[in-house]
Protein backbone atom coordinates (compact mmCIF):
# COMPACT_ATOMS: atom_id res chain seq x y z
CA MET A 1 -85.45 29.59 4.54
CA GLN A 2 -84.04 27.28 7.84
CA ASP A 3 -80.48 28.14 8.96
CA ALA A 4 -79.43 23.83 9.72
CA ARG A 5 -76.70 24.85 6.31
CA SER A 6 -73.62 26.72 6.05
CA ILE A 7 -73.02 30.33 4.14
CA PRO A 8 -72.25 29.47 0.85
CA HIS A 9 -75.32 27.06 0.74
CA MET A 10 -77.57 29.50 2.15
CA LEU A 11 -76.80 32.87 0.22
CA GLU A 12 -79.75 31.68 -2.53
CA HIS A 13 -81.79 32.31 0.06
CA PHE A 14 -80.83 36.10 0.59
CA ARG A 15 -83.55 38.22 -1.12
CA ALA A 16 -85.54 40.60 -1.13
CA GLY A 17 -88.65 39.58 1.24
CA SER A 18 -86.86 36.22 2.58
CA LEU A 19 -88.04 35.60 6.13
CA LEU A 20 -84.41 34.08 7.60
CA VAL A 21 -85.15 31.18 10.57
CA THR A 22 -82.50 31.16 12.62
CA SER A 23 -80.99 30.13 15.96
CA ALA A 24 -80.12 32.94 17.80
CA ASP A 25 -77.06 31.09 18.30
CA ARG A 26 -76.18 30.78 14.74
CA PRO A 27 -73.93 34.41 14.60
CA ASP A 28 -72.68 33.07 10.99
CA VAL A 29 -75.90 33.67 9.48
CA LEU A 30 -76.91 36.52 11.94
CA VAL A 31 -74.01 38.36 10.75
CA ALA A 32 -74.44 37.40 6.84
CA ALA A 33 -77.72 38.40 7.11
CA CYS A 34 -76.82 41.61 8.08
CA LEU A 35 -74.11 42.35 5.41
CA ALA A 36 -76.68 41.75 3.04
CA ALA A 37 -79.33 43.85 4.31
CA MET A 38 -75.99 46.58 4.44
CA ASN A 39 -75.70 46.10 0.69
CA GLY A 40 -79.19 46.93 -0.58
CA VAL A 41 -80.63 43.44 -0.32
CA GLU A 42 -84.46 43.91 1.35
CA ILE A 43 -84.92 40.90 3.39
CA GLY A 44 -88.52 40.42 4.55
CA ALA A 45 -87.26 39.32 8.09
CA LEU A 46 -85.03 37.51 10.83
CA LEU A 47 -86.31 35.31 13.41
CA LEU A 48 -84.68 34.11 16.14
CA THR A 49 -85.90 30.84 17.18
CA GLY A 50 -84.72 28.40 20.72
CA GLY A 51 -86.30 31.59 23.30
CA TYR A 52 -82.89 33.36 24.16
CA GLU A 53 -81.40 37.10 23.13
CA MET A 54 -79.16 37.62 20.70
CA ASP A 55 -75.16 37.90 21.76
CA ALA A 56 -74.78 41.63 22.60
CA ARG A 57 -71.56 41.33 21.00
CA ILE A 58 -73.49 40.08 17.18
CA SER A 59 -75.58 43.03 18.46
CA LYS A 60 -73.49 45.67 18.71
CA LEU A 61 -71.65 44.30 14.97
CA CYS A 62 -75.76 44.39 13.57
CA GLU A 63 -76.43 48.21 14.58
CA ARG A 64 -75.92 49.36 11.10
CA ALA A 65 -78.09 46.83 9.40
CA PHE A 66 -81.35 47.22 12.33
CA ALA A 67 -80.21 50.99 11.34
CA THR A 68 -82.09 49.94 7.94
CA GLY A 69 -85.22 48.74 8.74
CA LEU A 70 -84.17 44.95 9.00
CA PRO A 71 -86.70 43.69 10.95
CA VAL A 72 -85.93 40.89 13.83
CA PHE A 73 -88.21 38.71 15.86
CA MET A 74 -88.00 36.40 18.13
CA VAL A 75 -89.82 33.15 18.99
CA ASN A 76 -89.65 30.22 22.21
CA THR A 77 -89.53 27.55 19.57
CA ASN A 78 -86.62 25.77 17.98
CA THR A 79 -86.11 25.72 14.48
CA TRP A 80 -87.27 23.01 13.62
CA GLN A 81 -90.38 23.61 15.20
CA THR A 82 -90.88 26.79 13.87
CA SER A 83 -90.53 25.99 10.21
CA LEU A 84 -94.01 23.40 11.19
CA SER A 85 -95.35 26.27 12.47
CA LEU A 86 -94.93 28.35 9.63
CA GLN A 87 -95.78 25.47 6.87
CA SER A 88 -99.11 25.56 8.59
CA PHE A 89 -99.45 29.25 8.83
CA ASN A 90 -102.59 30.35 7.13
CA LEU A 91 -101.14 33.85 5.99
CA GLU A 92 -104.29 34.54 3.58
CA VAL A 93 -107.04 36.82 4.89
CA PRO A 94 -110.24 36.77 2.45
CA VAL A 95 -110.64 40.12 1.35
CA ASP A 96 -114.42 40.39 2.27
CA ASP A 97 -113.37 39.69 6.08
CA HIS A 98 -113.64 42.86 7.76
CA GLU A 99 -112.91 41.63 11.44
CA ARG A 100 -109.88 39.74 11.00
CA ILE A 101 -108.36 42.27 9.01
CA GLU A 102 -109.23 44.90 11.52
CA LYS A 103 -107.84 42.31 14.46
CA VAL A 104 -104.64 41.88 12.48
CA GLN A 105 -104.00 45.85 11.92
CA GLU A 106 -105.01 46.23 15.32
CA TYR A 107 -102.08 43.89 16.20
CA VAL A 108 -99.65 44.70 14.20
CA ALA A 109 -100.34 48.50 15.06
CA ASN A 110 -99.75 47.35 19.04
CA TYR A 111 -96.27 46.15 18.57
CA VAL A 112 -94.86 48.92 16.29
CA ASN A 113 -92.63 51.72 18.20
CA ALA A 114 -94.66 55.13 17.70
CA GLU A 115 -91.32 57.09 18.86
CA TRP A 116 -89.66 54.70 15.92
CA ILE A 117 -92.55 55.45 13.11
CA GLU A 118 -92.12 59.68 14.31
CA SER A 119 -88.27 59.31 14.30
CA LEU A 120 -89.07 58.32 10.21
CA THR A 121 -90.41 61.63 9.23
CA ALA A 122 -88.45 64.20 11.97
CA THR A 123 -86.11 65.17 9.53
CA SER A 124 -88.80 65.24 6.15
CA GLU A 125 -89.79 68.63 5.10
CA ARG A 126 -92.87 67.27 4.02
CA SER A 127 -96.58 67.68 5.40
CA ARG A 128 -97.48 65.06 6.85
CA ARG A 129 -100.25 63.34 5.44
CA LEU A 130 -102.45 60.18 7.02
CA SER A 131 -104.73 57.55 5.18
CA PRO A 132 -107.23 56.46 6.46
CA PRO A 133 -106.44 53.89 8.18
CA ALA A 134 -103.79 55.84 10.18
CA PHE A 135 -106.39 58.53 11.27
CA ARG A 136 -108.54 56.23 12.16
CA TYR A 137 -106.01 54.49 14.30
CA GLN A 138 -104.85 57.74 15.21
CA LEU A 139 -108.21 58.71 17.35
CA THR A 140 -108.85 56.13 18.34
CA GLU A 141 -105.35 55.96 20.49
CA LEU A 142 -106.51 59.65 21.38
CA ALA A 143 -109.67 57.98 22.54
CA ARG A 144 -108.45 55.73 24.60
CA LYS A 145 -105.74 57.54 26.29
CA ALA A 146 -108.49 60.19 26.99
CA GLY A 147 -110.76 57.95 29.08
CA LYS A 148 -114.24 59.62 28.37
CA ARG A 149 -118.04 58.71 29.32
CA VAL A 150 -120.30 59.46 26.29
CA VAL A 151 -123.95 58.78 27.03
CA LEU A 152 -125.82 57.00 23.95
CA PRO A 153 -129.66 58.24 24.16
CA GLU A 154 -130.68 55.95 21.47
CA GLY A 155 -129.94 52.87 23.78
CA ASP A 156 -132.09 50.53 22.63
CA GLU A 157 -131.66 50.71 19.01
CA PRO A 158 -129.32 48.02 17.94
CA ARG A 159 -126.81 49.58 15.59
CA THR A 160 -126.18 51.55 18.81
CA VAL A 161 -125.70 48.75 21.27
CA LYS A 162 -123.33 47.16 18.96
CA ALA A 163 -120.85 50.25 18.31
CA ALA A 164 -121.21 50.72 21.96
CA ALA A 165 -119.83 47.00 22.61
CA ILE A 166 -116.94 47.73 20.26
CA CYS A 167 -116.11 51.06 21.79
CA ALA A 168 -115.99 49.07 25.01
CA GLU A 169 -114.64 46.51 23.52
CA ARG A 170 -111.47 48.57 22.50
CA GLY A 171 -111.17 50.48 24.96
CA ILE A 172 -112.38 54.05 23.28
CA ALA A 173 -114.84 54.93 26.09
CA THR A 174 -117.16 54.56 28.63
CA CYS A 175 -120.05 54.32 27.20
CA VAL A 176 -123.79 54.75 28.66
CA LEU A 177 -126.82 53.14 26.95
CA LEU A 178 -130.02 55.30 28.08
CA GLY A 179 -132.85 52.77 27.88
CA ASN A 180 -135.07 49.99 29.66
CA PRO A 181 -132.49 47.58 30.73
CA ASP A 182 -134.69 44.90 29.91
CA GLU A 183 -134.96 45.88 26.11
CA ILE A 184 -131.39 46.75 25.56
CA ASN A 185 -130.39 43.18 27.43
CA ARG A 186 -132.70 41.43 24.61
CA VAL A 187 -131.76 43.46 21.89
CA ALA A 188 -127.77 42.83 22.34
CA ALA A 189 -128.33 38.76 22.82
CA SER A 190 -130.63 39.37 19.18
CA GLN A 191 -127.24 41.13 17.67
CA GLY A 192 -125.16 38.22 19.57
CA VAL A 193 -123.52 41.07 21.14
CA GLU A 194 -121.74 40.66 24.98
CA LEU A 195 -122.47 44.05 27.15
CA GLY A 196 -119.94 43.75 29.71
CA ALA A 197 -116.89 46.37 31.19
CA GLY A 198 -116.97 49.96 29.71
CA ILE A 199 -120.78 49.79 28.98
CA GLU A 200 -123.41 51.16 31.62
CA ILE A 201 -127.58 51.08 31.39
CA VAL A 202 -128.96 53.48 32.76
CA ASP A 203 -132.79 53.58 32.89
CA PRO A 204 -134.37 57.16 31.87
CA GLU A 205 -137.63 56.20 34.42
CA VAL A 206 -135.28 55.68 37.22
CA VAL A 207 -133.19 59.04 37.13
CA ARG A 208 -135.42 61.67 34.74
CA GLU A 209 -137.17 62.82 38.02
CA SER A 210 -133.75 64.21 39.49
CA TYR A 211 -133.71 66.46 36.32
CA VAL A 212 -136.52 68.13 36.27
CA ALA A 213 -135.38 71.33 38.76
CA ARG A 214 -132.32 71.80 36.61
CA LEU A 215 -134.29 71.72 33.59
CA VAL A 216 -136.75 74.70 34.74
CA GLU A 217 -133.62 76.19 35.93
CA LEU A 218 -131.89 76.62 33.13
CA ARG A 219 -134.96 77.38 30.72
CA LYS A 220 -136.38 80.00 33.16
CA SER A 221 -136.17 82.78 31.13
CA LYS A 222 -138.62 80.78 28.21
CA GLY A 223 -140.99 79.90 30.97
CA MET A 224 -140.33 76.62 31.45
CA THR A 225 -142.29 74.88 34.22
CA GLU A 226 -142.14 71.40 36.08
CA PRO A 227 -145.09 69.82 33.90
CA VAL A 228 -143.12 70.44 30.56
CA ALA A 229 -139.45 69.70 31.57
CA ARG A 230 -141.03 66.18 32.58
CA GLU A 231 -143.00 66.10 29.17
CA GLN A 232 -139.28 67.40 27.36
CA LEU A 233 -137.34 64.89 29.43
CA GLU A 234 -138.95 61.65 28.00
CA ASP A 235 -136.92 62.24 24.85
CA ASN A 236 -133.58 60.70 25.74
CA VAL A 237 -131.58 62.79 24.00
CA VAL A 238 -132.77 66.19 26.29
CA LEU A 239 -132.41 63.76 29.83
CA GLY A 240 -128.64 63.01 28.04
CA THR A 241 -128.17 66.84 27.50
CA LEU A 242 -128.75 67.53 30.71
CA MET A 243 -126.41 64.92 31.70
CA LEU A 244 -123.68 66.56 29.95
CA GLU A 245 -124.45 69.69 31.57
CA GLN A 246 -124.13 68.48 34.70
CA ASP A 247 -120.94 67.14 33.78
CA GLU A 248 -121.76 63.67 34.43
CA VAL A 249 -120.69 62.49 30.84
CA ASP A 250 -118.46 63.96 28.25
CA GLY A 251 -120.05 63.64 25.15
CA LEU A 252 -123.71 62.59 23.45
CA VAL A 253 -123.72 60.62 20.54
CA SER A 254 -126.96 60.29 18.58
CA GLY A 255 -128.65 60.45 15.26
CA ALA A 256 -129.47 56.69 14.58
CA VAL A 257 -132.76 57.25 15.06
CA HIS A 258 -132.69 61.04 15.63
CA THR A 259 -132.27 63.98 13.24
CA THR A 260 -129.26 66.03 13.26
CA ALA A 261 -131.34 69.21 14.29
CA ASN A 262 -132.80 66.86 17.25
CA THR A 263 -129.09 66.12 18.60
């Protein structure tokens, strides 16, 4: 609904789920919408146009309405331009377009005030339950804040390369791919994956020898010798484990090719 008309001619649009598009300098529309919200009408949202802030006095007057959860958005375009944009806006997301669905979820989540969400459940006596998407988002946010470095021994495996690229793109962790750099880049290109910031490639042939002495020291009670250590370090999982043991990485993820027991 646009704001060109006077309030009596607009009331029919003040109903649950409506998106009210109005200029921020139309206090009559703002106050009317807030009164409707305070009287139990669950208006979808207020979209303020013009690119300027709501008058502080009006904002103060409408505090109780905003406290009911009435969403307020602002755009820089005028009401007419905004309405035209909304008319051409494709609101549909195909159910099988998982990438677009995920992008929408992430975009919305980035603009949700986490403290406000927490306050909604602060006084609840019920145990808090997270939906699978919420749990996944929470884990992702914790990983981003931790900023860890993870080694992936199966560095040239297509699924591993793709997962590492996604992980790096979202800032979840720095991924260290073990494998021949040329082969890893070939696999990435064949998958249409770009290996940019947040991805490191370590060639086992170059670094393997530097871990021999440490492996001999760790397994000397088992009769470990240098030739046997070199042989065992041919396994990238063993090499990655030594990197983890020396605190060069914070974690190791494997299993795409190797068995869980081997990992």
